[in-house]
N, C-alpha and C. Protein backbone atom coordinates (compact mmCIF):
# COMPACT_ATOMS: atom_id res chain seq x y z
N MET A 1 0.96 -0.72 -0.15
CA MET A 1 0.16 0.29 -0.30
C MET A 1 1.29 1.01 0.01
N SER A 2 0.42 1.35 -0.87
CA SER A 2 1.34 3.53 -1.24
C SER A 2 0.92 4.39 0.54
N LEU A 3 1.85 5.67 0.46
CA LEU A 3 2.15 6.34 1.84
C LEU A 3 0.49 6.53 1.62
N ILE A 4 0.07 7.34 0.68
CA ILE A 4 -1.32 8.37 0.38
C ILE A 4 -2.53 7.11 0.08
N ASP A 5 -1.81 6.09 -0.13
CA ASP A 5 -3.33 5.12 0.34
C ASP A 5 -2.82 5.04 1.29
N ALA A 6 -2.29 4.72 2.17
CA ALA A 6 -2.82 4.63 3.78
C ALA A 6 -3.04 5.74 4.42
N ALA A 7 -2.74 6.84 3.81
CA ALA A 7 -3.58 7.94 4.16
C ALA A 7 -4.85 8.25 4.08
N ARG A 8 -5.43 7.63 3.21
CA ARG A 8 -6.55 7.66 2.19
C ARG A 8 -7.55 6.84 3.20
N LYS A 9 -6.97 6.00 3.41
CA LYS A 9 -7.80 4.68 4.54
C LYS A 9 -8.15 4.79 6.19
N VAL A 10 -7.21 5.74 6.40
CA VAL A 10 -6.97 6.04 7.33
C VAL A 10 -7.96 7.28 8.01
N ARG A 11 -7.94 8.49 6.85
CA ARG A 11 -9.29 9.64 6.33
C ARG A 11 -10.43 9.03 6.84
N GLU A 12 -11.06 7.99 6.52
CA GLU A 12 -12.51 7.73 6.30
C GLU A 12 -12.32 7.47 8.31
N ASN A 13 -11.08 7.27 8.29
CA ASN A 13 -11.55 6.91 10.61
C ASN A 13 -11.99 8.21 11.14
N ALA A 14 -11.98 9.24 10.62
CA ALA A 14 -11.58 10.64 11.17
C ALA A 14 -12.82 11.16 12.17
N HIS A 15 -12.65 11.61 12.96
CA HIS A 15 -13.70 12.36 13.92
C HIS A 15 -14.34 13.36 13.91
N ALA A 16 -15.05 14.34 12.49
CA ALA A 16 -15.14 15.51 12.20
C ALA A 16 -16.38 15.71 12.51
N PRO A 17 -17.35 15.93 13.11
CA PRO A 17 -19.04 15.93 13.49
C PRO A 17 -19.05 17.34 13.41
N TYR A 18 -18.81 18.61 13.71
CA TYR A 18 -18.13 19.79 13.52
C TYR A 18 -17.96 20.73 11.68
N SER A 19 -17.02 19.84 10.87
CA SER A 19 -16.26 21.07 10.61
C SER A 19 -16.94 20.10 9.41
N ARG A 20 -17.25 18.61 9.14
CA ARG A 20 -17.02 18.11 8.43
C ARG A 20 -15.81 17.65 7.52
N PHE A 21 -14.94 18.72 7.57
CA PHE A 21 -14.15 18.00 6.88
C PHE A 21 -12.50 17.44 6.95
N LYS A 22 -12.75 15.78 6.56
CA LYS A 22 -12.19 14.63 7.11
C LYS A 22 -10.76 14.73 6.65
N VAL A 23 -9.38 14.99 7.60
CA VAL A 23 -8.07 14.80 6.60
C VAL A 23 -7.09 13.32 7.19
N GLY A 24 -6.40 12.58 6.16
CA GLY A 24 -6.25 12.03 6.55
C GLY A 24 -4.46 11.76 6.79
N ALA A 25 -3.66 11.31 7.21
CA ALA A 25 -2.58 11.85 7.40
C ALA A 25 -1.58 9.45 7.45
N ALA A 26 -0.30 9.86 6.89
CA ALA A 26 0.74 8.76 7.06
C ALA A 26 2.53 9.94 6.60
N VAL A 27 2.52 8.31 7.71
CA VAL A 27 4.16 8.92 7.53
C VAL A 27 4.99 7.82 7.74
N ARG A 28 5.47 8.12 6.95
CA ARG A 28 7.09 7.09 6.55
C ARG A 28 8.16 7.19 8.02
N ALA A 29 9.10 6.24 9.00
CA ALA A 29 9.86 6.08 9.68
C ALA A 29 10.62 5.96 9.19
N ALA A 30 11.64 6.22 9.49
CA ALA A 30 13.67 5.35 8.96
C ALA A 30 13.33 4.44 8.68
N SER A 31 12.16 3.49 9.49
CA SER A 31 12.85 1.81 9.44
C SER A 31 12.02 0.87 8.46
N GLY A 32 10.97 2.10 7.95
CA GLY A 32 10.13 1.80 6.61
C GLY A 32 8.55 1.88 7.24
N LYS A 33 8.51 1.78 8.85
CA LYS A 33 6.75 0.67 8.60
C LYS A 33 6.44 2.87 9.01
N VAL A 34 5.00 1.91 8.14
CA VAL A 34 3.80 3.28 7.79
C VAL A 34 3.34 3.89 8.84
N TYR A 35 3.14 4.99 9.95
CA TYR A 35 2.30 5.03 10.66
C TYR A 35 1.35 6.18 10.66
N VAL A 36 -0.14 5.71 10.83
CA VAL A 36 -1.09 6.85 10.50
C VAL A 36 -1.80 7.41 11.26
N GLY A 37 -2.68 8.84 10.81
CA GLY A 37 -3.20 9.31 12.01
C GLY A 37 -4.46 10.00 11.10
N CYS A 38 -5.51 10.32 12.20
CA CYS A 38 -6.32 11.44 11.71
C CYS A 38 -7.12 12.23 12.07
N ASN A 39 -7.80 13.64 11.88
CA ASN A 39 -8.14 14.30 12.62
C ASN A 39 -9.11 13.81 13.28
N VAL A 40 -8.89 13.99 14.77
CA VAL A 40 -9.93 14.77 15.96
C VAL A 40 -10.54 15.14 16.01
N GLU A 41 -11.52 16.22 16.16
CA GLU A 41 -12.31 17.36 16.46
C GLU A 41 -12.80 17.55 17.98
N ASN A 42 -13.05 18.60 18.92
CA ASN A 42 -14.08 17.91 19.82
C ASN A 42 -14.40 19.07 19.88
N ALA A 43 -15.24 19.44 20.53
CA ALA A 43 -16.30 20.90 20.41
C ALA A 43 -16.00 21.96 21.18
N ALA A 44 -15.12 21.37 22.08
CA ALA A 44 -13.96 22.94 22.05
C ALA A 44 -12.74 22.53 21.08
N TYR A 45 -13.34 23.07 20.28
CA TYR A 45 -12.08 23.04 19.08
C TYR A 45 -11.14 23.13 19.40
N PRO A 46 -10.19 24.46 20.33
CA PRO A 46 -8.84 24.21 19.84
C PRO A 46 -8.21 22.78 20.75
N GLU A 47 -8.87 21.98 21.74
CA GLU A 47 -8.77 20.50 21.97
C GLU A 47 -8.99 19.36 19.97
N GLY A 48 -9.28 19.62 19.64
CA GLY A 48 -9.35 18.44 18.67
C GLY A 48 -7.63 18.43 18.40
N THR A 49 -7.04 17.58 18.11
CA THR A 49 -6.15 16.50 16.90
C THR A 49 -6.36 16.91 15.65
N CYS A 50 -4.66 17.40 14.97
CA CYS A 50 -4.52 17.41 13.82
C CYS A 50 -4.08 15.78 13.27
N ALA A 51 -4.00 14.96 11.30
CA ALA A 51 -4.53 13.95 11.19
C ALA A 51 -2.82 14.04 11.02
N GLU A 52 -1.27 14.55 11.10
CA GLU A 52 -0.71 14.64 10.74
C GLU A 52 0.47 14.84 12.30
N ALA A 53 -0.85 15.58 13.71
CA ALA A 53 -0.27 15.11 14.93
C ALA A 53 -0.25 13.98 15.61
N GLY A 54 -1.94 13.39 14.77
CA GLY A 54 -2.05 11.63 14.76
C GLY A 54 -0.39 11.57 14.30
N ALA A 55 -0.20 10.90 12.94
CA ALA A 55 0.43 10.22 13.25
C ALA A 55 1.74 10.16 12.93
N ILE A 56 2.17 11.08 13.63
CA ILE A 56 3.57 11.27 14.64
C ILE A 56 3.55 11.15 15.76
N SER A 57 2.55 11.14 16.62
CA SER A 57 2.41 10.09 17.75
C SER A 57 1.82 9.09 18.02
N ALA A 58 1.27 8.31 15.92
CA ALA A 58 1.83 6.74 17.23
C ALA A 58 3.09 6.54 16.29
N MET A 59 4.46 7.71 15.37
CA MET A 59 5.42 6.38 15.13
C MET A 59 5.99 6.57 16.62
N VAL A 60 6.00 7.98 17.26
CA VAL A 60 7.10 7.95 18.53
C VAL A 60 5.98 7.36 19.38
N ALA A 61 5.46 7.11 19.95
CA ALA A 61 5.10 5.99 20.49
C ALA A 61 5.50 4.26 20.60
N ALA A 62 5.68 4.27 18.97
CA ALA A 62 6.49 2.84 18.08
C ALA A 62 7.64 2.99 19.00
N GLY A 63 7.67 3.87 19.29
CA GLY A 63 9.42 3.92 20.04
C GLY A 63 10.26 4.74 18.36
N GLU A 64 9.93 5.17 17.08
CA GLU A 64 10.24 5.79 16.94
C GLU A 64 10.86 7.60 16.44
N THR A 65 11.64 7.43 16.25
CA THR A 65 11.82 9.67 15.80
C THR A 65 11.38 10.07 15.24
N ARG A 66 11.97 9.06 13.31
CA ARG A 66 12.73 10.18 12.29
C ARG A 66 11.76 9.54 11.34
N LEU A 67 11.41 10.32 10.60
CA LEU A 67 10.07 9.73 9.14
C LEU A 67 11.23 10.61 8.05
N THR A 68 10.89 9.87 7.04
CA THR A 68 11.60 9.72 6.45
C THR A 68 10.62 10.61 4.77
N GLU A 69 9.25 10.34 5.00
CA GLU A 69 7.90 10.52 3.73
C GLU A 69 6.82 11.46 4.06
N VAL A 70 5.93 12.13 3.92
CA VAL A 70 4.92 12.54 4.19
C VAL A 70 4.18 12.41 3.95
N ALA A 71 2.55 12.35 4.03
CA ALA A 71 1.24 11.53 3.26
C ALA A 71 0.01 12.71 3.11
N VAL A 72 -0.22 13.42 3.04
CA VAL A 72 -1.63 14.33 3.20
C VAL A 72 -3.02 13.99 2.85
N ILE A 73 -4.41 13.70 2.49
CA ILE A 73 -4.68 13.83 1.72
C ILE A 73 -6.14 14.04 2.53
N ALA A 74 -7.13 15.20 2.16
CA ALA A 74 -8.28 15.81 2.24
C ALA A 74 -9.48 15.89 1.36
N ASP A 75 -10.82 16.12 1.52
CA ASP A 75 -11.45 16.36 0.47
C ASP A 75 -11.72 17.44 -0.01
N CYS A 76 -10.86 18.68 -0.67
CA CYS A 76 -11.00 19.56 -0.96
C CYS A 76 -10.91 20.43 -2.20
N PRO A 77 -11.02 21.18 -2.66
CA PRO A 77 -10.68 21.71 -3.66
C PRO A 77 -9.10 21.53 -4.49
N ARG A 78 -7.90 21.55 -3.95
CA ARG A 78 -6.70 21.76 -3.74
C ARG A 78 -6.40 20.91 -2.92
N PRO A 79 -5.58 20.19 -3.19
CA PRO A 79 -4.13 19.63 -2.44
C PRO A 79 -3.86 20.05 -1.15
N VAL A 80 -3.77 20.02 0.14
CA VAL A 80 -4.47 20.96 1.60
C VAL A 80 -2.72 21.00 2.50
N PRO A 81 -1.83 21.70 2.66
CA PRO A 81 -1.03 21.47 3.04
C PRO A 81 -1.18 21.94 5.21
N PRO A 82 -0.42 21.35 5.33
CA PRO A 82 -0.68 21.33 7.11
C PRO A 82 -0.56 21.94 7.63
N CYS A 83 -1.37 22.15 9.08
CA CYS A 83 -1.59 23.34 8.99
C CYS A 83 -0.15 24.48 10.12
N GLY A 84 0.19 25.62 10.13
CA GLY A 84 1.38 26.13 10.90
C GLY A 84 1.41 25.32 12.05
N GLY A 85 1.33 24.84 13.20
CA GLY A 85 1.58 23.47 14.11
C GLY A 85 1.59 22.81 13.73
N CYS A 86 1.31 21.88 12.78
CA CYS A 86 1.83 20.71 12.54
C CYS A 86 2.68 20.22 11.13
N ARG A 87 4.17 21.64 10.65
CA ARG A 87 4.16 22.01 10.28
C ARG A 87 6.05 21.74 11.23
N GLN A 88 5.53 22.56 11.65
CA GLN A 88 6.15 22.82 12.93
C GLN A 88 6.85 21.19 13.16
N LYS A 89 6.00 20.35 13.93
CA LYS A 89 6.04 18.97 14.55
C LYS A 89 6.60 18.08 13.56
N LEU A 90 6.03 18.47 12.29
CA LEU A 90 6.93 17.37 10.85
C LEU A 90 8.79 17.72 11.30
N ALA A 91 8.41 18.68 11.67
CA ALA A 91 10.44 19.69 10.58
C ALA A 91 10.91 18.56 12.14
N GLU A 92 10.54 18.65 13.39
CA GLU A 92 11.31 17.74 14.64
C GLU A 92 11.68 17.12 14.21
N PHE A 93 10.76 16.17 13.73
CA PHE A 93 11.27 14.38 13.31
C PHE A 93 11.34 14.24 11.68
N GLY A 94 11.50 14.83 10.87
CA GLY A 94 11.93 15.26 9.56
C GLY A 94 13.21 16.15 8.37
N GLU A 95 14.00 15.92 8.00
CA GLU A 95 14.99 16.39 7.73
C GLU A 95 13.81 18.14 6.64
N ALA A 96 14.18 18.82 6.30
CA ALA A 96 13.89 19.85 5.77
C ALA A 96 13.37 19.34 4.13
N SER A 97 14.42 18.13 3.51
CA SER A 97 14.61 18.35 2.25
C SER A 97 13.35 17.27 2.24
N VAL A 98 12.73 16.46 3.25
CA VAL A 98 12.14 15.32 2.90
C VAL A 98 10.98 15.08 2.41
N SER A 99 10.27 14.23 2.04
CA SER A 99 8.99 14.35 0.56
C SER A 99 7.88 14.30 1.12
N VAL A 100 6.86 15.64 1.23
CA VAL A 100 5.95 15.70 1.65
C VAL A 100 4.74 15.45 0.11
N THR A 101 3.68 14.54 0.09
CA THR A 101 2.78 14.72 -0.58
C THR A 101 1.26 14.94 0.04
N LEU A 102 1.06 15.53 -1.02
CA LEU A 102 -0.99 16.40 -0.10
C LEU A 102 -1.93 16.22 -1.61
N ALA A 103 -2.56 15.99 -1.33
CA ALA A 103 -3.25 15.02 -1.92
C ALA A 103 -4.54 15.48 -1.58
N THR A 104 -5.85 15.37 -2.70
CA THR A 104 -7.04 15.39 -2.33
C THR A 104 -8.04 14.63 -3.10
N THR A 105 -9.15 14.11 -2.49
CA THR A 105 -9.48 12.80 -2.38
C THR A 105 -9.97 12.86 -3.91
N ASP A 106 -9.88 13.64 -5.03
CA ASP A 106 -10.62 13.51 -6.03
C ASP A 106 -9.31 13.27 -7.25
N GLY A 107 -7.77 12.87 -6.76
CA GLY A 107 -6.82 12.92 -7.25
C GLY A 107 -5.84 13.81 -7.96
N ALA A 108 -6.14 14.76 -7.22
CA ALA A 108 -4.80 16.09 -6.77
C ALA A 108 -3.86 16.01 -6.36
N VAL A 109 -2.65 16.07 -6.67
CA VAL A 109 -1.88 15.84 -6.22
C VAL A 109 -0.44 17.08 -6.21
N GLU A 110 -0.16 17.18 -4.89
CA GLU A 110 0.73 18.58 -4.92
C GLU A 110 2.29 17.60 -4.33
N GLN A 111 3.81 17.77 -4.62
CA GLN A 111 4.43 17.89 -4.15
C GLN A 111 6.11 18.52 -3.66
N THR A 112 5.64 18.62 -2.22
CA THR A 112 6.58 19.46 -2.05
C THR A 112 7.45 19.06 -0.38
N THR A 113 7.85 19.96 0.38
CA THR A 113 9.51 19.12 1.51
C THR A 113 8.85 19.85 2.65
N ILE A 114 8.74 19.21 3.81
CA ILE A 114 9.09 20.44 5.00
C ILE A 114 9.66 21.05 4.74
N GLY A 115 11.34 21.26 4.14
CA GLY A 115 11.85 22.74 4.38
C GLY A 115 10.98 23.62 3.38
N ALA A 116 10.69 23.59 2.36
CA ALA A 116 9.70 24.24 1.48
C ALA A 116 8.07 24.60 2.56
N LEU A 117 7.61 23.85 3.00
CA LEU A 117 6.27 24.15 4.15
C LEU A 117 6.74 25.09 5.41
N LEU A 118 8.14 24.98 5.52
CA LEU A 118 8.28 25.83 6.47
C LEU A 118 9.49 26.34 6.77
N PRO A 119 9.83 27.56 5.57
CA PRO A 119 11.06 28.31 5.56
C PRO A 119 11.44 28.82 7.08
N GLY A 120 12.88 28.62 7.86
CA GLY A 120 12.98 29.42 8.40
C GLY A 120 12.29 29.32 10.29
N GLY A 121 11.49 27.27 9.87
CA GLY A 121 11.26 26.99 10.97
C GLY A 121 12.13 27.10 12.09
N PHE A 122 11.80 26.88 13.51
CA PHE A 122 12.62 27.08 15.01
C PHE A 122 13.02 25.74 15.44
N SER A 123 14.00 24.81 15.74
CA SER A 123 14.84 24.58 15.65
C SER A 123 15.89 24.47 17.02
N THR A 124 16.16 23.26 17.21
CA THR A 124 16.45 22.49 18.66
C THR A 124 18.10 23.71 18.62
N GLU A 125 18.64 23.84 16.92
CA GLU A 125 20.13 24.38 17.21
C GLU A 125 19.76 25.66 17.63
N ASP A 126 17.95 26.52 17.68
CA ASP A 126 17.71 28.60 17.94
C ASP A 126 17.68 28.31 18.87
N MET A 127 17.88 26.56 20.25
CA MET A 127 17.94 26.79 21.46
C MET A 127 19.49 26.62 22.06
N ALA A 128 19.92 26.85 21.37
CA ALA A 128 21.33 26.64 21.64
C ALA A 128 22.28 27.75 23.07
N ARG A 129 22.51 28.17 24.07
CA ARG A 129 23.49 28.94 24.22
C ARG A 129 24.61 29.28 24.39
N ALA A 130 24.80 30.59 24.70
CA ALA A 130 26.42 30.72 24.24
C ALA A 130 26.96 30.28 25.36
């Protein structure tokens, strides 16, 4: 199963009763294993979880900390990029050159990278003290 197919499949499990905007995400870890996540909304909107964050959490819960590929899919007119918070989360676990596939359920696909999604991102180097 391709990464985008894994994201498409898990998208169906999204809990989006308020927005009805289901999103699926899949990340491939350095081991080659694929981890998936879907958005989970909450009536207190800020308490929801993005699909990308769910996939990263599943990867970390399994003991892995490096991702090598990302796919995100949603039912929308154009391939939708991750929110700002998820861009930062992806950058925490993947190099700037990591491929990110953005897709729609109708088949539109856009390729980008973590670095292109988050230019000038905050990193551990920014926390270094003199």
